[in-house]
Amino acid sequence: MFHKLGQRFVRGLARIVIHSVYWVRYVGEKKLPKEGAYIMCVNHRSVMDIPIAGCISRGRWLYFMGKKELFEKPFSRFFMNLMDVFPVARGEGDIKSIRTALNHLKKGRIVTIFPQGTREKEGMTLPARKGAAMLVALSEAPIIPMCISGKMRPFSPIKAYVGKPFDLGLRKGQRYAREIFEQKSQEIMDRINELPEVYG
């Protein structure tokens, strides 16, 4: 009971912050699918990416894969657990985090990940890591792309472009070379980076 009430309070507070302080406007597909498992893939620019992505839909709750460093301090760990963010050890092939993500997807939930694996600095674009495509291959879940653009500072206009779900074409039970995963993950990032032009 406390968990759900806490989530509602924090998401309500996050909505106030992202709209009054960061001036976020959602563009494109503003309503997420009402049901079914999806992987939302978002470019990573700031710690604000989590509340911006998480507040797009009132009807669906998003589960986030976040770096394990976010869980090191007590208050941050409490907040992350409250918001159903689960840790991942970047660059270590974290099997536990993959299993957690797959468990959410099997239950028909939306799992949100950052394919680049780390935050990009202003004015630069980082390539995707192979993990995003690997998760798709293990789940066959469609992808919802999101691109957050604008200067990530208070009282600056920010746009969050949301695209239509798409199938990456990877299937469970098939063996793929590392190069295929890298290629497919980059395909995800290309779709994300194209969204401002598509909906501009």
Foldseek 3Di string as FASTA:
>chain_A
DVLVVVQVVVLVVLVCCCCQWVVEDEFEPLEDPLWFEEEEEEAAADPNVVSVVQNSYPRAGEAEEDAPVLCPDPVSVVVNVSSNYDHDHPPPVGPVSLVVSLVCNVVTHYYYYHQQRDHDYPPDGGAGALVVLVSCQQRVHWYKYWYWDWDRGTPTYIYIYIYDTDGLPHYHPDDDDNVVSSVSSRVRVVVNVCRVVVRD
